[in-house]
Amino acid sequence: MPPPSTIPVATSQLIGTFVETFSYGIYLTIFPRCMAIFWRRYKGQKGQIGSSVAIYFMFTMILLWSVITVHVVANLTRAFQAFTANISVGSAAEAYFKNGDTSLNMCKVASNVTVTLIGDLVMLYRTAIIWRKTWWILLVTVSLFIVDVAMSAWHTWSVGEAEPGSSILDSATYQRSLYFFAATLAFNLVCTILIGFKLWRTQRDLKFVEDGHEYHHYSASRCRYHATRTTVIVLESAAIYSAALVCLIGTALVHYSAYFILYNSMPPLVIGGAL
C-alpha cells in the first residue's frame, strides 16, 4: 500500500491548475513577440531555407498554443465542477477526482500528451538539422521518439480503464504515466546531449580558425559568440524541463499527490524545453 499523502488529491489538482493558469498567462504575453520575431525572419529570408524553418516554428507555436489552451480549459472546468457541485456533501471534490474515466479527464490527458509529443518532435527536428546526415544519430533519436509515442498512447488509453471511486494514485493511468514521462526524459536528455556536444565541437573548431584578414577574424569571433549563446540557451531550457520531469517521476514513484501539481502544470514547461 502506498503511504498516505500529506496533501489531498483535490488540493494538489487545484494548485496545479493555478500554477498552469499563471504560466499560461506568461506564455500569452511572449507568444505574440515570438511570432513577430519568426515572421520577420521569414520575410527577411524569403525563398531561402531559413524562411521554411521560420514557418515551421510559427506553425508549431500556434499548434502548441491551441493544445495548451484546451488543456487549461479542461483543467479549469474540472476544478470548477469539483469544488462547486455538491458543496453540501463532504469530500465532494475528492470523490470527483477519484473518477478518472470522464471525457474531461480524457481531454486533459490527451492534450498533455499531445503537447509533450509536439515538444519532443521539435527536439527531434533540431537534432536532425544539427547532425544532418549522421544516420546512426537519427536512428537512435527516432527510435526513442517511437518508444515515447508508444508510451503516450498506452498512457492515454489507460484512462478508460480507471475504476470510479478507486484511489487515483493506484489507477492504471497514474502508473503508466510514469513510463511515458520516463521515456520523454530519456529522449530529451539524449537529444540535449547530442545538440550540446555538436555545438561545443563547432565552437571548439572555430577557435582554431586562423586567417590574416580582420573580416574573417571578426566572423569567427561572432560565430563563436552565437554558438556559445545557443549552447547556453539549449542547456538551460532543457535543464529546467528535465528537472521538472525528474520531480514528476519521483513523486509518482513514491505515490505522493504533489504529482498532480506537476502533472497539471507541465504543458507550459514544454514550451521552454522545446522552443
C-alpha atoms as a PDB file:
ATOM      1  CA  MET A   1       0.000   0.000   0.000  1.00  0.00           C
ATOM      2  CA  PRO A   2       1.344   3.467  -0.833  1.00  0.00           C
ATOM      3  CA  PRO A   3       1.999   5.808   2.073  1.00  0.00           C
ATOM      4  CA  PRO A   4      -0.784   8.263   2.864  1.00  0.00           C
ATOM      5  CA  SER A   5      -0.451  11.578   1.066  1.00  0.00           C
ATOM      6  CA  THR A   6       0.040  14.716   3.154  1.00  0.00           C
ATOM      7  CA  ILE A   7      -1.774  16.812   0.502  1.00  0.00           C
ATOM      8  CA  PRO A   8      -5.294  15.832  -0.558  1.00  0.00           C
ATOM      9  CA  VAL A   9      -5.548  14.927  -4.228  1.00  0.00           C
ATOM     10  CA  ALA A  10      -8.190  17.611  -4.778  1.00  0.00           C
ATOM     11  CA  THR A  11      -5.905  20.271  -3.304  1.00  0.00           C
ATOM     12  CA  SER A  12      -2.998  19.136  -5.478  1.00  0.00           C
ATOM     13  CA  GLN A  13      -5.205  19.239  -8.559  1.00  0.00           C
ATOM     14  CA  LEU A  14      -6.331  22.758  -7.704  1.00  0.00           C
ATOM     15  CA  ILE A  15      -2.802  24.044  -7.017  1.00  0.00           C
ATOM     16  CA  GLY A  16      -1.581  22.514 -10.270  1.00  0.00           C
ATOM     17  CA  THR A  17      -4.407  24.248 -12.144  1.00  0.00           C
ATOM     18  CA  PHE A  18      -3.469  27.611 -10.571  1.00  0.00           C
ATOM     19  CA  VAL A  19       0.193  27.152 -11.483  1.00  0.00           C
ATOM     20  CA  GLU A  20      -0.681  26.200 -15.042  1.00  0.00           C
ATOM     21  CA  THR A  21      -3.050  29.163 -15.433  1.00  0.00           C
ATOM     22  CA  PHE A  22      -0.356  31.545 -14.166  1.00  0.00           C
ATOM     23  CA  SER A  23       2.216  30.038 -16.548  1.00  0.00           C
ATOM     24  CA  TYR A  24      -0.299  30.194 -19.375  1.00  0.00           C
ATOM     25  CA  GLY A  25      -0.731  33.926 -18.742  1.00  0.00           C
ATOM     26  CA  ILE A  26       3.039  34.416 -19.031  1.00  0.00           C
ATOM     27  CA  TYR A  27       3.040  32.410 -22.245  1.00  0.00           C
ATOM     28  CA  LEU A  28       0.304  34.617 -23.714  1.00  0.00           C
ATOM     29  CA  THR A  29       2.491  37.698 -23.188  1.00  0.00           C
ATOM     30  CA  ILE A  30       5.507  36.250 -25.017  1.00  0.00           C
ATOM     31  CA  PHE A  31       3.555  34.412 -27.728  1.00  0.00           C
ATOM     32  CA  PRO A  32       2.938  37.461 -29.994  1.00  0.00           C
ATOM     33  CA  ARG A  33       6.554  38.613 -29.591  1.00  0.00           C
ATOM     34  CA  CYS A  34       7.895  35.209 -30.644  1.00  0.00           C
ATOM     35  CA  MET A  35       5.520  35.141 -33.602  1.00  0.00           C
ATOM     36  CA  ALA A  36       6.699  38.615 -34.632  1.00  0.00           C
ATOM     37  CA  ILE A  37      10.355  37.501 -34.476  1.00  0.00           C
ATOM     38  CA  PHE A  38       9.716  34.427 -36.601  1.00  0.00           C
ATOM     39  CA  TRP A  39       7.638  36.495 -39.052  1.00  0.00           C
ATOM     40  CA  ARG A  40      10.484  38.991 -39.504  1.00  0.00           C
ATOM     41  CA  ARG A  41      12.883  36.109 -40.113  1.00  0.00           C
ATOM     42  CA  TYR A  42      10.501  34.669 -42.661  1.00  0.00           C
ATOM     43  CA  LYS A  43      10.234  37.983 -44.527  1.00  0.00           C
ATOM     44  CA  GLY A  44      13.984  38.608 -44.335  1.00  0.00           C
ATOM     45  CA  GLN A  45      14.902  35.158 -45.638  1.00  0.00           C
ATOM     46  CA  LYS A  46      12.007  34.594 -48.015  1.00  0.00           C
ATOM     47  CA  GLY A  47      12.858  31.968 -50.613  1.00  0.00           C
ATOM     48  CA  GLN A  48      15.722  30.581 -48.501  1.00  0.00           C
ATOM     49  CA  ILE A  49      15.950  27.635 -46.101  1.00  0.00           C
ATOM     50  CA  GLY A  50      15.604  29.995 -43.144  1.00  0.00           C
ATOM     51  CA  SER A  51      12.120  31.014 -44.272  1.00  0.00           C
ATOM     52  CA  SER A  52      10.940  27.384 -44.173  1.00  0.00           C
ATOM     53  CA  VAL A  53      12.341  26.996 -40.656  1.00  0.00           C
ATOM     54  CA  ALA A  54      10.530  30.167 -39.547  1.00  0.00           C
ATOM     55  CA  ILE A  55       7.248  28.877 -40.971  1.00  0.00           C
ATOM     56  CA  TYR A  56       7.789  25.548 -39.209  1.00  0.00           C
ATOM     57  CA  PHE A  57       8.297  27.216 -35.816  1.00  0.00           C
ATOM     58  CA  MET A  58       5.352  29.583 -36.296  1.00  0.00           C
ATOM     59  CA  PHE A  59       3.089  26.652 -37.107  1.00  0.00           C
ATOM     60  CA  THR A  60       4.455  24.730 -34.115  1.00  0.00           C
ATOM     61  CA  MET A  61       3.850  27.644 -31.732  1.00  0.00           C
ATOM     62  CA  ILE A  62       0.270  28.086 -32.953  1.00  0.00           C
ATOM     63  CA  LEU A  63      -0.356  24.368 -32.540  1.00  0.00           C
ATOM     64  CA  LEU A  64       1.152  24.373 -29.048  1.00  0.00           C
ATOM     65  CA  TRP A  65      -0.916  27.394 -28.053  1.00  0.00           C
ATOM     66  CA  SER A  66      -4.113  25.688 -29.272  1.00  0.00           C
ATOM     67  CA  VAL A  67      -3.479  22.420 -27.431  1.00  0.00           C
ATOM     68  CA  ILE A  68      -2.319  24.147 -24.221  1.00  0.00           C
ATOM     69  CA  THR A  69      -5.477  26.278 -24.297  1.00  0.00           C
ATOM     70  CA  VAL A  70      -7.568  23.104 -24.472  1.00  0.00           C
ATOM     71  CA  HIS A  71      -5.610  21.693 -21.506  1.00  0.00           C
ATOM     72  CA  VAL A  72      -6.120  24.864 -19.434  1.00  0.00           C
ATOM     73  CA  VAL A  73      -9.855  24.973 -20.195  1.00  0.00           C
ATOM     74  CA  ALA A  74     -10.255  21.281 -19.301  1.00  0.00           C
ATOM     75  CA  ASN A  75      -8.390  21.756 -16.010  1.00  0.00           C
ATOM     76  CA  LEU A  76     -10.353  24.873 -15.061  1.00  0.00           C
ATOM     77  CA  THR A  77     -13.654  23.163 -15.888  1.00  0.00           C
ATOM     78  CA  ARG A  78     -12.747  20.118 -13.807  1.00  0.00           C
ATOM     79  CA  ALA A  79     -11.729  22.302 -10.869  1.00  0.00           C
ATOM     80  CA  PHE A  80     -14.961  24.320 -11.130  1.00  0.00           C
ATOM     81  CA  GLN A  81     -17.106  21.201 -11.231  1.00  0.00           C
ATOM     82  CA  ALA A  82     -15.215  19.515  -8.397  1.00  0.00           C
ATOM     83  CA  PHE A  83     -15.468  22.409  -5.958  1.00  0.00           C
ATOM     84  CA  THR A  84     -18.916  23.794  -6.829  1.00  0.00           C
ATOM     85  CA  ALA A  85     -21.012  20.674  -7.447  1.00  0.00           C
ATOM     86  CA  ASN A  86     -22.431  19.014  -4.323  1.00  0.00           C
ATOM     87  CA  ILE A  87     -20.920  21.617  -1.985  1.00  0.00           C
ATOM     88  CA  SER A  88     -23.082  20.364   0.874  1.00  0.00           C
ATOM     89  CA  VAL A  89     -21.539  16.888   0.587  1.00  0.00           C
ATOM     90  CA  GLY A  90     -18.313  16.337   2.497  1.00  0.00           C
ATOM     91  CA  SER A  91     -15.194  15.477   0.439  1.00  0.00           C
ATOM     92  CA  ALA A  92     -17.150  16.003  -2.795  1.00  0.00           C
ATOM     93  CA  ALA A  93     -14.042  17.280  -4.591  1.00  0.00           C
ATOM     94  CA  GLU A  94     -12.023  14.216  -3.556  1.00  0.00           C
ATOM     95  CA  ALA A  95     -14.804  11.951  -4.830  1.00  0.00           C
ATOM     96  CA  TYR A  96     -14.917  13.900  -8.102  1.00  0.00           C
ATOM     97  CA  PHE A  97     -11.215  13.493  -8.828  1.00  0.00           C
ATOM     98  CA  LYS A  98     -11.364   9.788  -7.990  1.00  0.00           C
ATOM     99  CA  ASN A  99     -13.443   9.296 -11.129  1.00  0.00           C
ATOM    100  CA  GLY A 100     -10.770   9.376 -13.824  1.00  0.00           C
ATOM    101  CA  ASP A 101     -12.830   7.830 -16.618  1.00  0.00           C
ATOM    102  CA  THR A 102     -14.518  11.058 -17.764  1.00  0.00           C
ATOM    103  CA  SER A 103     -14.469  12.986 -21.032  1.00  0.00           C
ATOM    104  CA  LEU A 104     -12.846  15.998 -19.364  1.00  0.00           C
ATOM    105  CA  ASN A 105     -10.060  13.917 -17.848  1.00  0.00           C
ATOM    106  CA  MET A 106      -9.526  12.165 -21.174  1.00  0.00           C
ATOM    107  CA  CYS A 107      -9.291  15.573 -22.849  1.00  0.00           C
ATOM    108  CA  LYS A 108      -6.817  16.743 -20.208  1.00  0.00           C
ATOM    109  CA  VAL A 109      -4.589  13.671 -20.527  1.00  0.00           C
ATOM    110  CA  ALA A 110      -4.741  13.667 -24.337  1.00  0.00           C
ATOM    111  CA  SER A 111      -3.839  17.369 -24.571  1.00  0.00           C
ATOM    112  CA  ASN A 112      -0.999  16.936 -22.057  1.00  0.00           C
ATOM    113  CA  VAL A 113       0.375  14.035 -24.084  1.00  0.00           C
ATOM    114  CA  THR A 114      -0.039  15.945 -27.361  1.00  0.00           C
ATOM    115  CA  VAL A 115       1.841  18.998 -26.068  1.00  0.00           C
ATOM    116  CA  THR A 116       4.662  16.768 -24.830  1.00  0.00           C
ATOM    117  CA  LEU A 117       4.948  14.933 -28.151  1.00  0.00           C
ATOM    118  CA  ILE A 118       4.943  18.192 -30.130  1.00  0.00           C
ATOM    119  CA  GLY A 119       7.785  19.458 -27.938  1.00  0.00           C
ATOM    120  CA  ASP A 120       9.655  16.193 -28.426  1.00  0.00           C
ATOM    121  CA  LEU A 121       9.116  16.438 -32.180  1.00  0.00           C
ATOM    122  CA  VAL A 122      10.746  19.891 -32.122  1.00  0.00           C
ATOM    123  CA  MET A 123      13.720  18.401 -30.276  1.00  0.00           C
ATOM    124  CA  LEU A 124      13.916  15.620 -32.865  1.00  0.00           C
ATOM    125  CA  TYR A 125      13.828  18.201 -35.665  1.00  0.00           C
ATOM    126  CA  ARG A 126      16.605  20.225 -34.036  1.00  0.00           C
ATOM    127  CA  THR A 127      18.754  17.142 -33.574  1.00  0.00           C
ATOM    128  CA  ALA A 128      18.191  16.042 -37.181  1.00  0.00           C
ATOM    129  CA  ILE A 129      19.062  19.509 -38.524  1.00  0.00           C
ATOM    130  CA  ILE A 130      22.217  19.958 -36.482  1.00  0.00           C
ATOM    131  CA  TRP A 131      23.545  16.430 -37.168  1.00  0.00           C
ATOM    132  CA  ARG A 132      22.300  16.373 -40.771  1.00  0.00           C
ATOM    133  CA  LYS A 133      23.269  13.098 -42.462  1.00  0.00           C
ATOM    134  CA  THR A 134      24.689  11.257 -39.457  1.00  0.00           C
ATOM    135  CA  TRP A 135      22.385   8.272 -39.890  1.00  0.00           C
ATOM    136  CA  TRP A 136      23.106   6.494 -36.598  1.00  0.00           C
ATOM    137  CA  ILE A 137      22.198   9.640 -34.654  1.00  0.00           C
ATOM    138  CA  LEU A 138      18.879   9.815 -36.494  1.00  0.00           C
ATOM    139  CA  LEU A 139      18.283   6.090 -35.907  1.00  0.00           C
ATOM    140  CA  VAL A 140      18.798   6.418 -32.142  1.00  0.00           C
ATOM    141  CA  THR A 141      16.676   9.555 -31.721  1.00  0.00           C
ATOM    142  CA  VAL A 142      13.854   8.342 -33.973  1.00  0.00           C
ATOM    143  CA  SER A 143      13.768   5.011 -32.104  1.00  0.00           C
ATOM    144  CA  LEU A 144      13.496   6.823 -28.758  1.00  0.00           C
ATOM    145  CA  PHE A 145      10.745   9.029 -30.154  1.00  0.00           C
ATOM    146  CA  ILE A 146       8.799   5.977 -31.341  1.00  0.00           C
ATOM    147  CA  VAL A 147       9.052   4.484 -27.840  1.00  0.00           C
ATOM    148  CA  ASP A 148       7.840   7.819 -26.451  1.00  0.00           C
ATOM    149  CA  VAL A 149       4.824   7.784 -28.801  1.00  0.00           C
ATOM    150  CA  ALA A 150       4.003   4.198 -27.832  1.00  0.00           C
ATOM    151  CA  MET A 151       4.135   5.029 -24.116  1.00  0.00           C
ATOM    152  CA  SER A 152       1.953   8.103 -24.672  1.00  0.00           C
ATOM    153  CA  ALA A 153      -0.697   6.015 -26.455  1.00  0.00           C
ATOM    154  CA  TRP A 154      -0.637   3.440 -23.638  1.00  0.00           C
ATOM    155  CA  HIS A 155      -0.924   6.171 -21.014  1.00  0.00           C
ATOM    156  CA  THR A 156      -3.875   7.850 -22.767  1.00  0.00           C
ATOM    157  CA  TRP A 157      -5.670   4.587 -23.488  1.00  0.00           C
ATOM    158  CA  SER A 158      -5.443   3.565 -19.839  1.00  0.00           C
ATOM    159  CA  VAL A 159      -7.720   6.454 -18.820  1.00  0.00           C
ATOM    160  CA  GLY A 160     -10.659   4.320 -19.909  1.00  0.00           C
ATOM    161  CA  GLU A 161      -9.575   1.551 -17.532  1.00  0.00           C
ATOM    162  CA  ALA A 162      -9.935   3.693 -14.408  1.00  0.00           C
ATOM    163  CA  GLU A 163     -12.475   2.350 -11.917  1.00  0.00           C
ATOM    164  CA  PRO A 164     -14.772   5.030 -10.463  1.00  0.00           C
ATOM    165  CA  GLY A 165     -14.306   5.507  -6.743  1.00  0.00           C
ATOM    166  CA  SER A 166     -10.874   3.892  -6.535  1.00  0.00           C
ATOM    167  CA  SER A 167      -7.819   5.830  -5.447  1.00  0.00           C
ATOM    168  CA  ILE A 168      -6.419   7.804  -8.364  1.00  0.00           C
ATOM    169  CA  LEU A 169      -2.927   7.150  -7.001  1.00  0.00           C
ATOM    170  CA  ASP A 170      -3.433   3.437  -7.659  1.00  0.00           C
ATOM    171  CA  SER A 171      -5.031   3.791 -11.102  1.00  0.00           C
ATOM    172  CA  ALA A 172      -3.557   2.396 -14.312  1.00  0.00           C
ATOM    173  CA  THR A 173      -3.339   5.921 -15.776  1.00  0.00           C
ATOM    174  CA  TYR A 174      -1.213   7.069 -12.863  1.00  0.00           C
ATOM    175  CA  GLN A 175       1.123   4.071 -13.084  1.00  0.00           C
ATOM    176  CA  ARG A 176       1.562   4.194 -16.852  1.00  0.00           C
ATOM    177  CA  SER A 177       2.214   7.927 -16.880  1.00  0.00           C
ATOM    178  CA  LEU A 178       5.454   7.022 -15.106  1.00  0.00           C
ATOM    179  CA  TYR A 179       6.641   5.054 -18.149  1.00  0.00           C
ATOM    180  CA  PHE A 180       5.568   7.807 -20.525  1.00  0.00           C
ATOM    181  CA  PHE A 181       7.442  10.557 -18.702  1.00  0.00           C
ATOM    182  CA  ALA A 182      10.465   8.303 -18.205  1.00  0.00           C
ATOM    183  CA  ALA A 183      10.581   7.749 -21.980  1.00  0.00           C
ATOM    184  CA  THR A 184      10.189  11.502 -22.529  1.00  0.00           C
ATOM    185  CA  LEU A 185      13.008  12.245 -20.097  1.00  0.00           C
ATOM    186  CA  ALA A 186      15.339   9.740 -21.760  1.00  0.00           C
ATOM    187  CA  PHE A 187      14.559  11.146 -25.215  1.00  0.00           C
ATOM    188  CA  ASN A 188      15.111  14.770 -24.156  1.00  0.00           C
ATOM    189  CA  LEU A 189      18.352  14.004 -22.327  1.00  0.00           C
ATOM    190  CA  VAL A 190      19.794  12.150 -25.318  1.00  0.00           C
ATOM    191  CA  CYS A 191      18.784  14.918 -27.752  1.00  0.00           C
ATOM    192  CA  THR A 192      20.092  17.655 -25.445  1.00  0.00           C
ATOM    193  CA  ILE A 193      23.442  15.907 -25.016  1.00  0.00           C
ATOM    194  CA  LEU A 194      23.755  15.389 -28.775  1.00  0.00           C
ATOM    195  CA  ILE A 195      22.870  19.009 -29.578  1.00  0.00           C
ATOM    196  CA  GLY A 196      25.096  20.385 -26.823  1.00  0.00           C
ATOM    197  CA  PHE A 197      28.033  18.228 -27.928  1.00  0.00           C
ATOM    198  CA  LYS A 198      27.647  19.283 -31.548  1.00  0.00           C
ATOM    199  CA  LEU A 199      27.525  22.981 -30.628  1.00  0.00           C
ATOM    200  CA  TRP A 200      30.506  22.594 -28.282  1.00  0.00           C
ATOM    201  CA  ARG A 201      32.532  20.876 -31.002  1.00  0.00           C
ATOM    202  CA  THR A 202      31.609  23.578 -33.510  1.00  0.00           C
ATOM    203  CA  GLN A 203      32.676  26.264 -31.049  1.00  0.00           C
ATOM    204  CA  ARG A 204      35.952  24.449 -30.383  1.00  0.00           C
ATOM    205  CA  ASP A 205      36.680  24.140 -34.103  1.00  0.00           C
ATOM    206  CA  LEU A 206      36.040  27.848 -34.603  1.00  0.00           C
ATOM    207  CA  LYS A 207      38.743  28.677 -32.055  1.00  0.00           C
ATOM    208  CA  PHE A 208      41.322  27.185 -34.406  1.00  0.00           C
ATOM    209  CA  VAL A 209      40.299  29.359 -37.333  1.00  0.00           C
ATOM    210  CA  GLU A 210      43.343  31.373 -38.305  1.00  0.00           C
ATOM    211  CA  ASP A 211      43.224  33.891 -41.092  1.00  0.00           C
ATOM    212  CA  GLY A 212      45.165  37.045 -41.780  1.00  0.00           C
ATOM    213  CA  HIS A 213      42.093  39.075 -42.694  1.00  0.00           C
ATOM    214  CA  GLU A 214      40.340  41.035 -39.969  1.00  0.00           C
ATOM    215  CA  TYR A 215      36.934  40.346 -41.518  1.00  0.00           C
ATOM    216  CA  HIS A 216      37.354  36.612 -41.115  1.00  0.00           C
ATOM    217  CA  HIS A 217      38.609  37.050 -37.570  1.00  0.00           C
ATOM    218  CA  TYR A 218      35.501  39.073 -36.793  1.00  0.00           C
ATOM    219  CA  SER A 219      33.280  36.489 -38.458  1.00  0.00           C
ATOM    220  CA  ALA A 220      34.869  33.637 -36.495  1.00  0.00           C
ATOM    221  CA  SER A 221      34.519  35.542 -33.217  1.00  0.00           C
ATOM    222  CA  ARG A 222      30.888  36.325 -33.964  1.00  0.00           C
ATOM    223  CA  CYS A 223      30.186  32.679 -34.822  1.00  0.00           C
ATOM    224  CA  ARG A 224      31.825  31.554 -31.557  1.00  0.00           C
ATOM    225  CA  TYR A 225      29.720  34.079 -29.659  1.00  0.00           C
ATOM    226  CA  HIS A 226      26.463  32.840 -31.235  1.00  0.00           C
ATOM    227  CA  ALA A 227      27.461  29.203 -30.723  1.00  0.00           C
ATOM    228  CA  THR A 228      28.124  29.877 -27.037  1.00  0.00           C
ATOM    229  CA  ARG A 229      24.804  31.674 -26.565  1.00  0.00           C
ATOM    230  CA  THR A 230      22.916  28.916 -28.358  1.00  0.00           C
ATOM    231  CA  THR A 231      24.585  26.217 -26.260  1.00  0.00           C
ATOM    232  CA  VAL A 232      23.728  28.001 -23.009  1.00  0.00           C
ATOM    233  CA  ILE A 233      20.099  28.581 -24.034  1.00  0.00           C
ATOM    234  CA  VAL A 234      19.603  24.967 -25.139  1.00  0.00           C
ATOM    235  CA  LEU A 235      21.162  23.525 -21.992  1.00  0.00           C
ATOM    236  CA  GLU A 236      19.332  25.874 -19.596  1.00  0.00           C
ATOM    237  CA  SER A 237      15.890  25.318 -21.132  1.00  0.00           C
ATOM    238  CA  ALA A 238      16.451  21.564 -21.304  1.00  0.00           C
ATOM    239  CA  ALA A 239      17.696  21.510 -17.704  1.00  0.00           C
ATOM    240  CA  ILE A 240      14.509  23.176 -16.420  1.00  0.00           C
ATOM    241  CA  TYR A 241      12.250  20.798 -18.317  1.00  0.00           C
ATOM    242  CA  SER A 242      14.317  17.733 -17.373  1.00  0.00           C
ATOM    243  CA  ALA A 243      14.328  18.764 -13.696  1.00  0.00           C
ATOM    244  CA  ALA A 244      10.529  19.045 -13.777  1.00  0.00           C
ATOM    245  CA  LEU A 245      10.294  15.577 -15.352  1.00  0.00           C
ATOM    246  CA  VAL A 246      12.609  14.116 -12.686  1.00  0.00           C
ATOM    247  CA  CYS A 247      10.448  15.626  -9.933  1.00  0.00           C
ATOM    248  CA  LEU A 248       7.306  14.326 -11.640  1.00  0.00           C
ATOM    249  CA  ILE A 249       8.716  10.814 -11.906  1.00  0.00           C
ATOM    250  CA  GLY A 250       9.985  10.982  -8.325  1.00  0.00           C
ATOM    251  CA  THR A 251       6.569  11.915  -6.904  1.00  0.00           C
ATOM    252  CA  ALA A 252       4.979   9.158  -8.998  1.00  0.00           C
ATOM    253  CA  LEU A 253       7.385   6.551  -7.636  1.00  0.00           C
ATOM    254  CA  VAL A 254       6.537   7.381  -4.013  1.00  0.00           C
ATOM    255  CA  HIS A 255       2.790   7.787  -4.728  1.00  0.00           C
ATOM    256  CA  TYR A 256       2.809  11.375  -3.498  1.00  0.00           C
ATOM    257  CA  SER A 257      -0.149  13.516  -4.525  1.00  0.00           C
ATOM    258  CA  ALA A 258       2.075  16.512  -5.311  1.00  0.00           C
ATOM    259  CA  TYR A 259       2.451  14.629  -8.589  1.00  0.00           C
ATOM    260  CA  PHE A 260      -0.748  16.311  -9.776  1.00  0.00           C
ATOM    261  CA  ILE A 261       0.687  19.771  -9.150  1.00  0.00           C
ATOM    262  CA  LEU A 262       3.488  18.979 -11.579  1.00  0.00           C
ATOM    263  CA  TYR A 263       1.333  16.990 -13.996  1.00  0.00           C
ATOM    264  CA  ASN A 264      -1.224  19.784 -14.408  1.00  0.00           C
ATOM    265  CA  SER A 265       1.446  22.448 -14.879  1.00  0.00           C
ATOM    266  CA  MET A 266       3.699  20.534 -17.308  1.00  0.00           C
ATOM    267  CA  PRO A 267       2.329  21.807 -20.679  1.00  0.00           C
ATOM    268  CA  PRO A 268       3.672  25.395 -20.320  1.00  0.00           C
ATOM    269  CA  LEU A 269       7.068  23.976 -19.338  1.00  0.00           C
ATOM    270  CA  VAL A 270       7.179  22.014 -22.575  1.00  0.00           C
ATOM    271  CA  ILE A 271       7.447  25.280 -24.483  1.00  0.00           C
ATOM    272  CA  GLY A 272      10.567  26.271 -22.561  1.00  0.00           C
ATOM    273  CA  GLY A 273      12.111  22.871 -23.169  1.00  0.00           C
ATOM    274  CA  ALA A 274      11.241  22.767 -26.862  1.00  0.00           C
ATOM    275  CA  LEU A 275      11.338  26.351 -28.122  1.00  0.00           C
END
